[in-house]
Amino acid sequence: MTRLAEESPRPLGIRWSDQAKNDLAAIGEYIAADNPVAAARWIEPLIADVERAAEMPRAGRVVPEYADHRDVREFLRRTYRIVYRIRDDAIEVLTIFEGHRLFPTGVLPEDEHP
């Protein structure tokens, strides 16, 4: 194996939580109600950000609400927060929501069991 190959790890896989899938669908449906073309133009960059997170998982900032969980990170796209957790072999997209809203409850399993 060459030195370059050793320094360039493969991107991680991507797993979408049900919450994140529903969030993405809701965002698309909301925008599509007024403009289906704009909805596609908005959803595609969100998905591209998720793919970028899989390539550079530690590039996202630590989520302030979960500062003690260094593996929970986020990328920002305009007003949206794309929140994911770094796993050994993949990133797990947890939620996508507008930043002016409160952080959704139940995003992490420990949220459900105080």
Protein backbone atom coordinates (compact mmCIF):
# COMPACT_ATOMS: atom_id res chain seq x y z
CA MET A 1 0.00 0.00 0.00
CA THR A 2 1.34 3.44 -0.86
CA ARG A 3 1.81 6.17 1.71
CA LEU A 4 -0.87 8.26 -0.02
CA ALA A 5 -3.42 5.43 0.32
CA GLU A 6 -2.64 5.16 4.02
CA GLU A 7 -3.24 8.89 4.52
CA SER A 8 -6.50 8.99 2.54
CA PRO A 9 -9.09 6.89 4.38
CA ARG A 10 -12.27 5.89 2.59
CA PRO A 11 -15.37 7.91 3.35
CA LEU A 12 -17.58 6.44 6.04
CA GLY A 13 -20.93 4.96 5.16
CA ILE A 14 -24.12 6.92 5.75
CA ARG A 15 -27.07 5.71 7.81
CA TRP A 16 -30.22 7.83 8.02
CA SER A 17 -32.36 7.67 11.14
CA ASP A 18 -36.13 7.60 10.62
CA GLN A 19 -36.20 11.09 12.15
CA ALA A 20 -33.71 12.44 9.59
CA LYS A 21 -35.54 10.80 6.67
CA ASN A 22 -38.81 12.31 7.84
CA ASP A 23 -37.16 15.71 8.37
CA LEU A 24 -35.74 15.73 4.84
CA ALA A 25 -39.06 14.66 3.33
CA ALA A 26 -40.94 17.35 5.29
CA ILE A 27 -38.52 20.05 4.17
CA GLY A 28 -38.91 18.96 0.55
CA GLU A 29 -42.70 18.79 0.76
CA TYR A 30 -42.94 22.21 2.40
CA ILE A 31 -40.86 23.89 -0.31
CA ALA A 32 -42.48 21.88 -3.12
CA ALA A 33 -45.91 23.17 -2.14
CA ASP A 34 -44.82 26.50 -3.64
CA ASN A 35 -42.10 25.44 -6.06
CA PRO A 36 -41.14 21.81 -6.82
CA VAL A 37 -38.01 22.84 -8.74
CA ALA A 38 -36.79 24.93 -5.80
CA ALA A 39 -37.43 21.98 -3.48
CA ALA A 40 -35.07 19.79 -5.48
CA ARG A 41 -32.48 22.58 -5.57
CA TRP A 42 -32.71 22.86 -1.80
CA ILE A 43 -32.70 19.15 -0.90
CA GLU A 44 -29.74 18.27 -3.13
CA PRO A 45 -27.26 20.50 -1.22
CA LEU A 46 -28.48 19.11 2.11
CA ILE A 47 -27.73 15.60 0.87
CA ALA A 48 -24.36 16.78 -0.50
CA ASP A 49 -23.53 18.13 2.98
CA VAL A 50 -24.30 14.70 4.46
CA GLU A 51 -22.00 13.09 1.89
CA ARG A 52 -19.28 15.62 2.77
CA ALA A 53 -19.74 14.75 6.46
CA ALA A 54 -19.07 11.09 5.58
CA GLU A 55 -15.82 12.14 3.89
CA MET A 56 -14.67 14.42 6.74
CA PRO A 57 -16.74 13.46 9.80
CA ARG A 58 -14.75 15.49 12.31
CA ALA A 59 -15.01 18.67 10.20
CA GLY A 60 -18.48 19.37 11.58
CA ARG A 61 -18.72 21.30 14.80
CA VAL A 62 -19.63 19.63 18.07
CA VAL A 63 -23.34 20.20 18.73
CA PRO A 64 -23.59 22.71 21.61
CA GLU A 65 -26.60 20.93 23.14
CA TYR A 66 -24.52 17.74 23.31
CA ALA A 67 -21.07 19.17 24.10
CA ASP A 68 -20.23 16.13 26.25
CA HIS A 69 -20.84 13.87 23.20
CA ARG A 70 -17.83 14.66 20.99
CA ASP A 71 -19.12 12.20 18.38
CA VAL A 72 -22.32 14.22 17.78
CA ARG A 73 -21.52 16.84 15.14
CA GLU A 74 -23.31 19.14 12.75
CA PHE A 75 -22.96 21.03 9.52
CA LEU A 76 -24.93 24.21 8.93
CA ARG A 77 -26.60 25.06 5.62
CA ARG A 78 -28.14 28.50 5.83
CA THR A 79 -30.75 28.15 8.58
CA TYR A 80 -30.69 24.34 8.70
CA ARG A 81 -28.70 22.17 11.09
CA ILE A 82 -27.66 18.72 9.85
CA VAL A 83 -26.89 16.69 12.97
CA TYR A 84 -25.04 13.38 12.80
CA ARG A 85 -23.19 10.95 15.03
CA ILE A 86 -19.83 9.46 14.09
CA ARG A 87 -19.74 5.67 14.32
CA ASP A 88 -16.84 3.30 13.56
CA ASP A 89 -17.95 2.54 10.01
CA ALA A 90 -20.53 5.23 9.21
CA ILE A 91 -22.08 8.50 10.15
CA GLU A 92 -25.63 8.31 11.41
CA VAL A 93 -27.72 11.29 10.33
CA LEU A 94 -29.89 12.02 13.38
CA THR A 95 -31.97 15.05 12.40
CA ILE A 96 -32.19 18.03 10.05
CA PHE A 97 -34.05 21.04 11.34
CA GLU A 98 -34.26 24.82 11.13
CA GLY A 99 -31.86 26.42 13.57
CA HIS A 100 -34.38 28.90 14.94
CA ARG A 101 -36.40 25.99 16.34
CA LEU A 102 -35.65 24.20 19.59
CA PHE A 103 -33.44 21.13 19.32
CA PRO A 104 -35.77 18.13 18.85
CA THR A 105 -36.11 15.77 21.80
CA GLY A 106 -35.43 12.07 21.40
CA VAL A 107 -32.61 12.57 18.88
CA LEU A 108 -30.23 10.44 20.95
CA PRO A 109 -31.47 7.25 22.61
CA GLU A 110 -30.49 8.55 26.06
CA ASP A 111 -32.88 11.48 25.49
CA GLU A 112 -35.78 9.07 25.72
CA HIS A 113 -34.66 7.64 29.05
CA PRO A 114 -33.75 10.50 31.42
